[in-house]
N, C-alpha and C. Protein backbone atom coordinates (compact mmCIF):
# COMPACT_ATOMS: atom_id res chain seq x y z
N MET A 1 141.06 51.88 5.75
CA MET A 1 139.97 51.98 6.73
C MET A 1 140.34 51.14 7.96
N SER A 2 140.44 51.79 9.08
CA SER A 2 140.81 51.02 10.28
C SER A 2 139.55 50.73 11.09
N LEU A 3 139.42 49.49 11.48
CA LEU A 3 138.25 49.07 12.25
C LEU A 3 138.68 48.66 13.65
N GLN A 4 137.86 49.00 14.61
CA GLN A 4 138.16 48.58 15.97
C GLN A 4 136.87 48.03 16.58
N GLN A 5 137.01 46.89 17.20
CA GLN A 5 135.81 46.32 17.83
C GLN A 5 135.60 47.04 19.16
N THR A 6 134.42 47.63 19.35
CA THR A 6 134.19 48.32 20.61
C THR A 6 133.75 47.31 21.65
N LYS A 7 134.30 47.47 22.83
CA LYS A 7 133.98 46.57 23.91
C LYS A 7 132.73 47.04 24.63
N ASN A 8 131.94 46.09 25.13
CA ASN A 8 130.81 46.48 25.98
C ASN A 8 131.36 47.16 27.22
N CYS A 9 130.64 48.16 27.69
CA CYS A 9 131.13 48.86 28.87
C CYS A 9 129.97 49.08 29.84
N ILE A 10 130.11 48.54 31.05
CA ILE A 10 129.08 48.72 32.06
C ILE A 10 129.72 49.42 33.27
N THR A 11 129.12 50.53 33.69
CA THR A 11 129.70 51.30 34.80
C THR A 11 129.21 50.71 36.14
N LEU A 12 129.83 51.16 37.21
CA LEU A 12 129.40 50.72 38.54
C LEU A 12 127.96 51.13 38.80
N ARG A 13 127.61 52.37 38.40
CA ARG A 13 126.23 52.85 38.58
C ARG A 13 125.27 51.97 37.78
N GLY A 14 125.64 51.68 36.53
CA GLY A 14 124.80 50.83 35.68
C GLY A 14 124.60 49.45 36.28
N SER A 15 125.67 48.91 36.85
CA SER A 15 125.61 47.59 37.47
C SER A 15 124.72 47.61 38.71
N ALA A 16 124.88 48.65 39.54
CA ALA A 16 124.04 48.78 40.75
C ALA A 16 122.57 48.91 40.37
N GLN A 17 122.29 49.61 39.26
CA GLN A 17 120.90 49.76 38.80
C GLN A 17 120.33 48.40 38.35
N ILE A 18 121.16 47.61 37.68
CA ILE A 18 120.72 46.27 37.24
C ILE A 18 120.37 45.41 38.46
N ILE A 19 121.23 45.49 39.50
CA ILE A 19 121.00 44.72 40.73
C ILE A 19 119.68 45.14 41.38
N CYS A 20 119.46 46.46 41.47
CA CYS A 20 118.24 46.96 42.13
C CYS A 20 116.98 46.68 41.30
N GLU A 21 117.13 46.67 39.99
CA GLU A 21 116.00 46.33 39.13
C GLU A 21 115.62 44.86 39.34
N TYR A 22 116.64 44.01 39.42
CA TYR A 22 116.38 42.58 39.70
C TYR A 22 115.66 42.44 41.05
N LEU A 23 116.12 43.18 42.06
CA LEU A 23 115.50 43.11 43.38
C LEU A 23 114.04 43.53 43.33
N LYS A 24 113.76 44.59 42.58
CA LYS A 24 112.37 45.08 42.44
C LYS A 24 111.48 43.98 41.86
N PHE A 25 111.94 43.37 40.76
CA PHE A 25 111.11 42.34 40.12
C PHE A 25 111.02 41.07 40.97
N SER A 26 112.12 40.71 41.63
CA SER A 26 112.10 39.51 42.48
C SER A 26 111.15 39.66 43.65
N ILE A 27 111.26 40.80 44.35
CA ILE A 27 110.40 41.02 45.52
C ILE A 27 108.94 41.04 45.10
N ASN A 28 108.62 41.75 44.02
CA ASN A 28 107.24 41.78 43.52
C ASN A 28 106.76 40.38 43.14
N SER A 29 107.65 39.62 42.50
CA SER A 29 107.28 38.28 42.07
C SER A 29 106.94 37.39 43.27
N VAL A 30 107.73 37.49 44.33
CA VAL A 30 107.47 36.70 45.54
C VAL A 30 106.15 37.15 46.19
N LEU A 31 105.93 38.46 46.28
CA LEU A 31 104.69 38.96 46.89
C LEU A 31 103.47 38.46 46.13
N PHE A 32 103.59 38.45 44.79
CA PHE A 32 102.47 37.98 43.95
C PHE A 32 102.28 36.47 44.11
N GLN A 33 103.37 35.73 43.89
CA GLN A 33 103.26 34.26 43.86
C GLN A 33 102.92 33.66 45.22
N ARG A 34 103.33 34.33 46.29
CA ARG A 34 103.02 33.82 47.63
C ARG A 34 101.67 34.30 48.11
N GLY A 35 100.96 35.07 47.27
CA GLY A 35 99.58 35.45 47.59
C GLY A 35 99.43 36.42 48.75
N LEU A 36 100.46 37.27 48.97
CA LEU A 36 100.35 38.22 50.09
C LEU A 36 99.34 39.32 49.80
N TYR A 37 99.13 39.60 48.52
CA TYR A 37 98.18 40.65 48.12
C TYR A 37 97.32 40.11 46.99
N PRO A 38 96.11 40.66 46.79
CA PRO A 38 95.22 40.14 45.74
C PRO A 38 95.86 40.26 44.35
N PRO A 39 95.68 39.23 43.51
CA PRO A 39 96.30 39.23 42.19
C PRO A 39 95.90 40.43 41.33
N GLU A 40 94.68 40.94 41.55
CA GLU A 40 94.22 42.07 40.71
C GLU A 40 94.96 43.37 41.04
N THR A 41 95.77 43.39 42.13
CA THR A 41 96.52 44.61 42.46
C THR A 41 97.90 44.62 41.78
N PHE A 42 98.15 43.63 40.92
CA PHE A 42 99.42 43.56 40.19
C PHE A 42 99.18 43.77 38.70
N LYS A 43 100.17 44.33 38.03
CA LYS A 43 100.05 44.45 36.57
C LYS A 43 101.23 43.74 35.92
N ALA A 44 100.97 43.21 34.73
CA ALA A 44 102.01 42.46 34.01
C ALA A 44 102.93 43.43 33.29
N GLU A 45 104.22 43.07 33.29
CA GLU A 45 105.20 43.87 32.57
C GLU A 45 106.21 42.92 31.91
N ASN A 46 106.60 43.25 30.70
CA ASN A 46 107.55 42.39 30.01
C ASN A 46 108.97 42.85 30.36
N GLN A 47 109.74 41.94 30.92
CA GLN A 47 111.11 42.28 31.32
C GLN A 47 111.97 41.03 31.18
N TYR A 48 113.19 41.19 30.71
CA TYR A 48 114.12 40.07 30.50
C TYR A 48 113.54 39.02 29.54
N GLY A 49 112.61 39.44 28.70
CA GLY A 49 112.01 38.50 27.74
C GLY A 49 110.95 37.60 28.33
N ILE A 50 110.50 37.90 29.55
CA ILE A 50 109.41 37.13 30.17
C ILE A 50 108.40 38.09 30.78
N THR A 51 107.22 37.59 31.11
CA THR A 51 106.20 38.44 31.73
C THR A 51 106.33 38.35 33.25
N LEU A 52 106.49 39.51 33.88
CA LEU A 52 106.60 39.56 35.34
C LEU A 52 105.51 40.48 35.87
N LEU A 53 105.23 40.35 37.18
CA LEU A 53 104.14 41.13 37.75
C LEU A 53 104.66 42.12 38.78
N LEU A 54 104.10 43.34 38.71
CA LEU A 54 104.49 44.39 39.64
C LEU A 54 103.26 44.89 40.39
N SER A 55 103.40 45.09 41.69
CA SER A 55 102.29 45.60 42.50
C SER A 55 101.96 47.03 42.09
N GLU A 56 100.66 47.33 42.05
CA GLU A 56 100.22 48.70 41.77
C GLU A 56 99.77 49.41 43.05
N ASP A 57 99.93 48.72 44.18
CA ASP A 57 99.55 49.30 45.47
C ASP A 57 100.49 50.47 45.76
N PRO A 58 99.96 51.70 45.93
CA PRO A 58 100.82 52.88 46.12
C PRO A 58 101.80 52.75 47.29
N GLN A 59 101.34 52.12 48.38
CA GLN A 59 102.21 51.98 49.56
C GLN A 59 103.39 51.06 49.28
N ILE A 60 103.11 49.95 48.60
CA ILE A 60 104.19 48.99 48.28
C ILE A 60 105.16 49.62 47.29
N LYS A 61 104.60 50.32 46.28
CA LYS A 61 105.47 50.98 45.29
C LYS A 61 106.38 52.00 45.95
N SER A 62 105.81 52.80 46.83
CA SER A 62 106.58 53.84 47.51
C SER A 62 107.65 53.22 48.42
N PHE A 63 107.26 52.17 49.16
CA PHE A 63 108.19 51.48 50.06
C PHE A 63 109.39 50.94 49.29
N LEU A 64 109.11 50.24 48.17
CA LEU A 64 110.19 49.62 47.40
C LEU A 64 111.04 50.66 46.68
N THR A 65 110.42 51.73 46.20
CA THR A 65 111.19 52.79 45.53
C THR A 65 112.19 53.41 46.50
N ASN A 66 111.71 53.75 47.70
CA ASN A 66 112.59 54.35 48.72
C ASN A 66 113.70 53.38 49.11
N LEU A 67 113.31 52.14 49.34
CA LEU A 67 114.27 51.12 49.77
C LEU A 67 115.37 50.92 48.72
N LEU A 68 114.96 50.79 47.46
CA LEU A 68 115.93 50.46 46.41
C LEU A 68 116.75 51.67 45.97
N THR A 69 116.17 52.86 46.06
CA THR A 69 116.94 54.07 45.73
C THR A 69 118.09 54.23 46.72
N GLN A 70 117.79 54.03 48.01
CA GLN A 70 118.83 54.12 49.04
C GLN A 70 119.83 52.98 48.90
N SER A 71 119.31 51.77 48.67
CA SER A 71 120.20 50.60 48.55
C SER A 71 121.18 50.75 47.40
N GLU A 72 120.72 51.36 46.30
CA GLU A 72 121.59 51.55 45.13
C GLU A 72 122.82 52.38 45.51
N GLU A 73 122.60 53.43 46.30
CA GLU A 73 123.72 54.29 46.73
C GLU A 73 124.68 53.50 47.62
N TRP A 74 124.13 52.70 48.53
CA TRP A 74 124.98 51.90 49.42
C TRP A 74 125.74 50.82 48.65
N ILE A 75 125.08 50.23 47.63
CA ILE A 75 125.75 49.20 46.82
C ILE A 75 126.92 49.83 46.06
N LEU A 76 126.72 51.04 45.57
CA LEU A 76 127.80 51.76 44.88
C LEU A 76 129.02 51.93 45.79
N ASP A 77 128.76 52.13 47.08
CA ASP A 77 129.85 52.33 48.05
C ASP A 77 130.30 51.01 48.70
N LYS A 78 129.81 49.89 48.15
CA LYS A 78 130.16 48.54 48.67
C LYS A 78 129.79 48.39 50.15
N LYS A 79 128.65 48.94 50.51
CA LYS A 79 128.26 48.92 51.93
C LYS A 79 127.15 47.92 52.24
N VAL A 80 126.68 47.20 51.23
CA VAL A 80 125.59 46.24 51.46
C VAL A 80 126.08 44.83 51.13
N LYS A 81 125.87 43.90 52.07
CA LYS A 81 126.24 42.52 51.73
C LYS A 81 125.02 41.68 51.33
N LYS A 82 123.85 42.07 51.84
CA LYS A 82 122.64 41.38 51.36
C LYS A 82 121.39 42.14 51.75
N LEU A 83 120.30 41.82 51.03
CA LEU A 83 118.97 42.27 51.41
C LEU A 83 118.15 41.03 51.69
N SER A 84 117.28 41.11 52.69
CA SER A 84 116.45 39.96 53.04
C SER A 84 114.98 40.35 52.98
N LEU A 85 114.22 39.64 52.17
CA LEU A 85 112.77 39.80 52.13
C LEU A 85 112.20 38.78 53.11
N ILE A 86 111.55 39.25 54.17
CA ILE A 86 111.00 38.30 55.14
C ILE A 86 109.48 38.32 55.10
N ILE A 87 108.92 37.14 55.22
CA ILE A 87 107.46 36.99 55.24
C ILE A 87 107.08 36.53 56.65
N LEU A 88 106.18 37.30 57.28
CA LEU A 88 105.82 37.02 58.68
C LEU A 88 104.35 36.70 58.83
N ASN A 89 104.06 35.89 59.84
CA ASN A 89 102.69 35.64 60.24
C ASN A 89 102.22 36.88 61.00
N VAL A 90 101.17 37.52 60.50
CA VAL A 90 100.69 38.78 61.11
C VAL A 90 100.30 38.56 62.58
N ALA A 91 99.69 37.41 62.89
CA ALA A 91 99.16 37.18 64.24
C ALA A 91 100.26 37.11 65.30
N ASN A 92 101.34 36.38 65.03
CA ASN A 92 102.36 36.21 66.08
C ASN A 92 103.76 36.70 65.69
N LYS A 93 103.86 37.35 64.52
CA LYS A 93 105.12 37.93 64.02
C LYS A 93 106.22 36.88 63.76
N GLU A 94 105.81 35.61 63.67
CA GLU A 94 106.79 34.56 63.38
C GLU A 94 107.26 34.67 61.93
N VAL A 95 108.57 34.55 61.72
CA VAL A 95 109.11 34.59 60.35
C VAL A 95 108.93 33.21 59.72
N LEU A 96 108.18 33.18 58.61
CA LEU A 96 107.87 31.90 57.94
C LEU A 96 108.81 31.65 56.76
N GLU A 97 109.30 32.73 56.18
CA GLU A 97 110.10 32.60 54.95
C GLU A 97 111.06 33.78 54.85
N CYS A 98 112.23 33.50 54.33
CA CYS A 98 113.21 34.57 54.17
C CYS A 98 113.93 34.38 52.83
N TRP A 99 113.87 35.41 52.00
CA TRP A 99 114.57 35.40 50.71
C TRP A 99 115.81 36.28 50.86
N ASP A 100 116.97 35.65 50.86
CA ASP A 100 118.22 36.40 50.98
C ASP A 100 118.79 36.69 49.60
N PHE A 101 119.09 37.96 49.35
CA PHE A 101 119.72 38.37 48.10
C PHE A 101 121.14 38.82 48.45
N ASN A 102 122.09 37.92 48.27
CA ASN A 102 123.48 38.17 48.67
C ASN A 102 124.25 38.86 47.54
N ILE A 103 124.93 39.94 47.89
CA ILE A 103 125.68 40.70 46.88
C ILE A 103 127.17 40.54 47.13
N GLN A 104 127.87 40.12 46.08
CA GLN A 104 129.34 40.06 46.15
C GLN A 104 129.88 41.09 45.17
N TYR A 105 131.01 41.68 45.53
CA TYR A 105 131.59 42.73 44.69
C TYR A 105 132.74 42.15 43.87
N GLU A 106 132.67 42.38 42.55
CA GLU A 106 133.67 41.81 41.64
C GLU A 106 134.54 42.91 41.02
N ASP A 107 135.60 42.50 40.35
CA ASP A 107 136.60 43.47 39.87
C ASP A 107 136.33 44.06 38.48
N GLY A 108 135.34 43.51 37.76
CA GLY A 108 135.06 44.02 36.41
C GLY A 108 136.21 43.74 35.45
N ASP A 109 136.38 44.61 34.49
CA ASP A 109 137.42 44.45 33.47
C ASP A 109 138.58 45.39 33.86
N THR A 110 139.64 44.83 34.44
CA THR A 110 140.71 45.68 35.00
C THR A 110 141.43 46.49 33.92
N ALA A 111 141.66 45.89 32.75
CA ALA A 111 142.36 46.62 31.67
C ALA A 111 141.52 47.80 31.19
N LEU A 112 140.22 47.54 30.95
CA LEU A 112 139.32 48.59 30.47
C LEU A 112 139.12 49.66 31.54
N SER A 113 139.08 49.24 32.81
CA SER A 113 138.92 50.19 33.91
C SER A 113 140.09 51.16 33.95
N LYS A 114 141.30 50.63 33.70
CA LYS A 114 142.51 51.46 33.70
C LYS A 114 142.43 52.50 32.58
N GLU A 115 141.98 51.99 31.43
CA GLU A 115 141.86 52.85 30.24
C GLU A 115 140.84 53.97 30.47
N LYS A 116 139.73 53.64 31.12
CA LYS A 116 138.64 54.61 31.30
C LYS A 116 138.79 55.41 32.60
N ASN A 117 139.73 55.00 33.42
CA ASN A 117 139.96 55.69 34.68
C ASN A 117 138.77 55.61 35.65
N GLU A 118 137.98 54.57 35.50
CA GLU A 118 136.91 54.28 36.46
C GLU A 118 136.62 52.79 36.39
N MET A 119 136.04 52.25 37.42
CA MET A 119 135.80 50.81 37.45
C MET A 119 134.64 50.46 36.52
N VAL A 120 134.90 49.63 35.54
CA VAL A 120 133.86 49.22 34.59
C VAL A 120 133.95 47.71 34.34
N GLY A 121 132.87 47.18 33.79
CA GLY A 121 132.83 45.79 33.38
C GLY A 121 132.58 45.73 31.89
N SER A 122 132.86 44.58 31.27
CA SER A 122 132.65 44.49 29.82
C SER A 122 131.74 43.32 29.45
N LYS A 123 130.93 42.86 30.43
CA LYS A 123 130.04 41.73 30.14
C LYS A 123 128.87 42.22 29.29
N ASP A 124 128.50 41.41 28.31
CA ASP A 124 127.41 41.77 27.40
C ASP A 124 126.08 41.86 28.16
N LEU A 125 125.36 42.96 27.95
CA LEU A 125 124.09 43.18 28.65
C LEU A 125 123.08 42.08 28.36
N LYS A 126 123.07 41.60 27.11
CA LYS A 126 122.13 40.53 26.75
C LYS A 126 122.40 39.27 27.58
N LYS A 127 123.69 38.99 27.79
CA LYS A 127 124.09 37.81 28.58
C LYS A 127 123.64 37.98 30.03
N ILE A 128 123.82 39.20 30.57
CA ILE A 128 123.39 39.47 31.95
C ILE A 128 121.88 39.26 32.07
N GLN A 129 121.13 39.82 31.10
CA GLN A 129 119.66 39.72 31.15
C GLN A 129 119.20 38.27 31.01
N GLN A 130 119.93 37.51 30.22
CA GLN A 130 119.61 36.08 30.07
C GLN A 130 119.79 35.34 31.40
N GLU A 131 120.88 35.67 32.09
CA GLU A 131 121.14 35.04 33.39
C GLU A 131 120.05 35.43 34.39
N ILE A 132 119.64 36.72 34.36
CA ILE A 132 118.59 37.18 35.28
C ILE A 132 117.27 36.48 34.96
N ARG A 133 116.98 36.34 33.67
CA ARG A 133 115.74 35.65 33.27
C ARG A 133 115.71 34.23 33.84
N ASP A 134 116.86 33.53 33.76
CA ASP A 134 116.93 32.16 34.29
C ASP A 134 116.65 32.14 35.80
N VAL A 135 117.17 33.15 36.51
CA VAL A 135 116.92 33.22 37.96
C VAL A 135 115.44 33.50 38.22
N MET A 136 114.85 34.45 37.46
CA MET A 136 113.44 34.80 37.67
C MET A 136 112.52 33.60 37.41
N LEU A 137 112.86 32.82 36.39
CA LEU A 137 112.07 31.61 36.10
C LEU A 137 112.21 30.61 37.25
N GLN A 138 113.41 30.57 37.83
CA GLN A 138 113.64 29.66 38.96
C GLN A 138 112.90 30.12 40.21
N VAL A 139 112.82 31.44 40.41
CA VAL A 139 112.05 31.99 41.55
C VAL A 139 110.61 31.49 41.45
N ALA A 140 110.01 31.62 40.26
CA ALA A 140 108.62 31.18 40.05
C ALA A 140 108.47 29.68 40.28
N ALA A 141 109.45 28.90 39.81
CA ALA A 141 109.38 27.44 39.95
C ALA A 141 109.55 27.02 41.41
N THR A 142 110.43 27.70 42.12
CA THR A 142 110.70 27.36 43.53
C THR A 142 109.44 27.54 44.38
N ILE A 143 108.70 28.60 44.08
CA ILE A 143 107.53 28.94 44.88
C ILE A 143 106.50 27.80 44.87
N SER A 144 106.48 27.05 43.78
CA SER A 144 105.46 25.99 43.66
C SER A 144 105.64 24.87 44.70
N TYR A 145 106.86 24.71 45.25
CA TYR A 145 106.97 23.65 46.26
C TYR A 145 107.27 24.17 47.67
N LEU A 146 107.10 25.47 47.88
CA LEU A 146 107.22 26.00 49.24
C LEU A 146 105.92 25.71 50.00
N PRO A 147 106.00 25.59 51.34
CA PRO A 147 104.78 25.30 52.10
C PRO A 147 103.72 26.39 51.90
N LEU A 148 102.48 25.98 51.96
CA LEU A 148 101.36 26.92 51.79
C LEU A 148 101.36 27.91 52.94
N LEU A 149 101.18 29.18 52.63
CA LEU A 149 101.05 30.20 53.69
C LEU A 149 99.57 30.29 54.03
N ASP A 150 99.15 29.57 55.07
CA ASP A 150 97.71 29.48 55.35
C ASP A 150 97.29 30.41 56.48
N CYS A 151 98.04 31.52 56.64
CA CYS A 151 97.65 32.52 57.64
C CYS A 151 97.83 33.89 57.00
N ARG A 152 97.35 34.93 57.67
CA ARG A 152 97.53 36.27 57.12
C ARG A 152 98.99 36.66 57.29
N CYS A 153 99.60 37.10 56.20
CA CYS A 153 101.04 37.39 56.24
C CYS A 153 101.33 38.83 55.85
N SER A 154 102.45 39.32 56.35
CA SER A 154 102.95 40.63 55.91
C SER A 154 104.42 40.43 55.52
N PHE A 155 105.03 41.48 55.00
CA PHE A 155 106.44 41.33 54.62
C PHE A 155 107.24 42.53 55.08
N ASP A 156 108.55 42.35 55.13
CA ASP A 156 109.45 43.45 55.39
C ASP A 156 110.75 43.16 54.63
N VAL A 157 111.56 44.18 54.43
CA VAL A 157 112.84 43.98 53.77
C VAL A 157 113.93 44.54 54.68
N LEU A 158 114.92 43.71 54.98
CA LEU A 158 116.05 44.15 55.80
C LEU A 158 117.26 44.37 54.90
N VAL A 159 117.95 45.46 55.11
CA VAL A 159 119.19 45.72 54.37
C VAL A 159 120.35 45.49 55.32
N HIS A 160 121.21 44.52 54.99
CA HIS A 160 122.36 44.22 55.83
C HIS A 160 123.52 45.10 55.35
N ALA A 161 123.69 46.23 56.05
CA ALA A 161 124.67 47.23 55.60
C ALA A 161 125.79 47.37 56.63
N LYS A 162 126.86 48.00 56.20
CA LYS A 162 127.98 48.26 57.12
C LYS A 162 127.54 49.27 58.18
N THR A 163 128.18 49.20 59.33
CA THR A 163 127.74 50.05 60.46
C THR A 163 127.99 51.53 60.24
N ASP A 164 128.86 51.88 59.28
CA ASP A 164 129.14 53.31 59.09
C ASP A 164 128.19 53.98 58.10
N CYS A 165 127.12 53.30 57.73
CA CYS A 165 126.13 53.91 56.82
C CYS A 165 125.33 54.98 57.57
N ASP A 166 125.05 56.06 56.87
CA ASP A 166 124.13 57.06 57.44
C ASP A 166 122.71 56.52 57.31
N ILE A 167 122.04 56.37 58.44
CA ILE A 167 120.69 55.80 58.40
C ILE A 167 119.68 56.92 58.12
N PRO A 168 118.93 56.79 57.02
CA PRO A 168 117.95 57.84 56.68
C PRO A 168 116.82 57.89 57.71
N GLU A 169 116.12 59.03 57.72
CA GLU A 169 114.93 59.14 58.58
C GLU A 169 113.94 58.06 58.20
N LYS A 170 113.14 57.66 59.17
CA LYS A 170 112.10 56.63 58.98
C LYS A 170 112.69 55.23 58.78
N TRP A 171 114.02 55.10 58.88
CA TRP A 171 114.63 53.77 58.87
C TRP A 171 115.01 53.45 60.31
N ALA A 172 115.02 52.17 60.64
CA ALA A 172 115.39 51.78 61.99
C ALA A 172 116.28 50.56 61.95
N GLU A 173 117.09 50.41 62.97
CA GLU A 173 117.92 49.21 63.04
C GLU A 173 117.03 48.03 63.38
N ALA A 174 117.33 46.89 62.78
CA ALA A 174 116.49 45.70 63.00
C ALA A 174 117.36 44.56 63.50
N GLN A 175 116.71 43.65 64.19
CA GLN A 175 117.42 42.45 64.66
C GLN A 175 117.52 41.45 63.51
N PRO A 176 118.60 40.65 63.48
CA PRO A 176 118.67 39.60 62.46
C PRO A 176 117.53 38.60 62.66
N VAL A 177 117.08 38.00 61.58
CA VAL A 177 115.96 37.05 61.71
C VAL A 177 116.49 35.62 61.58
N ALA A 178 115.79 34.72 62.23
CA ALA A 178 116.17 33.30 62.13
C ALA A 178 114.89 32.48 62.05
N ILE A 179 114.95 31.43 61.25
CA ILE A 179 113.82 30.52 61.14
C ILE A 179 114.26 29.20 61.76
N ALA A 180 113.50 28.74 62.75
CA ALA A 180 113.85 27.47 63.40
C ALA A 180 113.67 26.31 62.42
N ASN A 181 114.61 25.37 62.43
CA ASN A 181 114.58 24.19 61.53
C ASN A 181 114.33 24.57 60.08
N ALA A 182 115.06 25.59 59.61
CA ALA A 182 114.81 26.08 58.24
C ALA A 182 115.33 25.13 57.18
N GLN A 183 114.60 25.09 56.08
CA GLN A 183 115.07 24.41 54.87
C GLN A 183 115.56 25.51 53.93
N ASN A 184 116.67 25.28 53.26
CA ASN A 184 117.22 26.31 52.35
C ASN A 184 117.23 25.81 50.91
N VAL A 185 116.91 26.72 49.99
CA VAL A 185 117.03 26.41 48.56
C VAL A 185 117.91 27.48 47.93
N GLN A 186 119.01 27.03 47.34
CA GLN A 186 119.93 27.96 46.68
C GLN A 186 119.50 28.07 45.21
N LEU A 187 119.27 29.29 44.75
CA LEU A 187 118.90 29.50 43.35
C LEU A 187 120.15 29.82 42.53
N LYS A 188 119.98 29.88 41.22
CA LYS A 188 121.10 30.25 40.36
C LYS A 188 121.58 31.65 40.69
N SER A 189 122.82 31.93 40.37
CA SER A 189 123.33 33.29 40.59
C SER A 189 123.47 33.97 39.23
N PHE A 190 123.64 35.29 39.25
CA PHE A 190 123.99 35.99 38.01
C PHE A 190 125.05 37.03 38.35
N SER A 191 125.77 37.46 37.33
CA SER A 191 126.85 38.42 37.55
C SER A 191 126.85 39.47 36.45
N THR A 192 127.15 40.71 36.85
CA THR A 192 127.30 41.79 35.87
C THR A 192 128.78 41.99 35.54
N SER A 193 129.64 41.24 36.23
CA SER A 193 131.11 41.33 36.22
C SER A 193 131.61 42.39 37.21
N LEU A 194 130.67 43.20 37.76
CA LEU A 194 131.01 44.13 38.84
C LEU A 194 130.32 43.73 40.14
N HIS A 195 129.15 43.11 39.99
CA HIS A 195 128.40 42.60 41.14
C HIS A 195 127.90 41.19 40.83
N LYS A 196 127.95 40.34 41.84
CA LYS A 196 127.38 39.00 41.69
C LYS A 196 126.22 38.89 42.68
N MET A 197 125.12 38.36 42.21
CA MET A 197 123.92 38.24 43.05
C MET A 197 123.57 36.76 43.23
N GLU A 198 123.49 36.35 44.50
CA GLU A 198 123.07 34.97 44.81
C GLU A 198 121.78 35.05 45.59
N THR A 199 120.82 34.24 45.20
CA THR A 199 119.51 34.25 45.85
C THR A 199 119.28 32.92 46.57
N VAL A 200 118.91 33.01 47.84
CA VAL A 200 118.65 31.81 48.65
C VAL A 200 117.32 32.02 49.37
N VAL A 201 116.45 31.01 49.34
CA VAL A 201 115.21 31.11 50.12
C VAL A 201 115.28 30.10 51.27
N SER A 202 114.93 30.58 52.46
CA SER A 202 114.84 29.71 53.64
C SER A 202 113.38 29.70 54.08
N TYR A 203 112.89 28.55 54.44
CA TYR A 203 111.48 28.51 54.84
C TYR A 203 111.28 27.54 55.99
N LYS A 204 110.21 27.78 56.72
CA LYS A 204 109.86 26.93 57.87
C LYS A 204 109.07 25.74 57.35
N LEU A 205 109.49 24.58 57.75
CA LEU A 205 108.73 23.39 57.36
C LEU A 205 107.38 23.42 58.06
N ALA A 206 106.35 23.00 57.34
CA ALA A 206 105.02 22.98 57.93
C ALA A 206 105.02 22.01 59.12
N ASP A 207 104.34 22.40 60.19
CA ASP A 207 104.29 21.54 61.40
C ASP A 207 103.50 20.27 61.10
């Protein structure tokens, strides 16, 4: 009887989906924890072994679905270096907070990729989810010491993509954002072995 240990195998598409799923939960978590929308418009969902909250607002759901579906395709083509969730003061459009989700592209498992004739990684999914859970817990903890948002706020998400991307309808080019005298907090990173995600929050110190 011959036995062979099967290696974990994660495809580029699978890895891009993991990245976009993390982005969905992270963005929702920030919107909930920063109080941009009423708490009753969110529902709890168990993910990565912890309870996270997702907006049930149809407009937010539709916005994020469109954004992340398109971003997944661009990530597959290595055309996105980061996404930025920005929180603005509705009255004067000042950017108060910016969550940067930086994506780095990794080589995966080169031997296995050669064997399978496509780029794959062999990192254990449980290990990836554990790393994501640690980041999500840190997102929640970080929010507790960010300055209070004591004005009406809105949000937007910027995708920092290569210039040769085909821009879909209803998308527009945006100017880079900057926060004067920003404080930065670097969160833990996680890796699928094909993509590495680093999360950094920048915020304006209260006057």
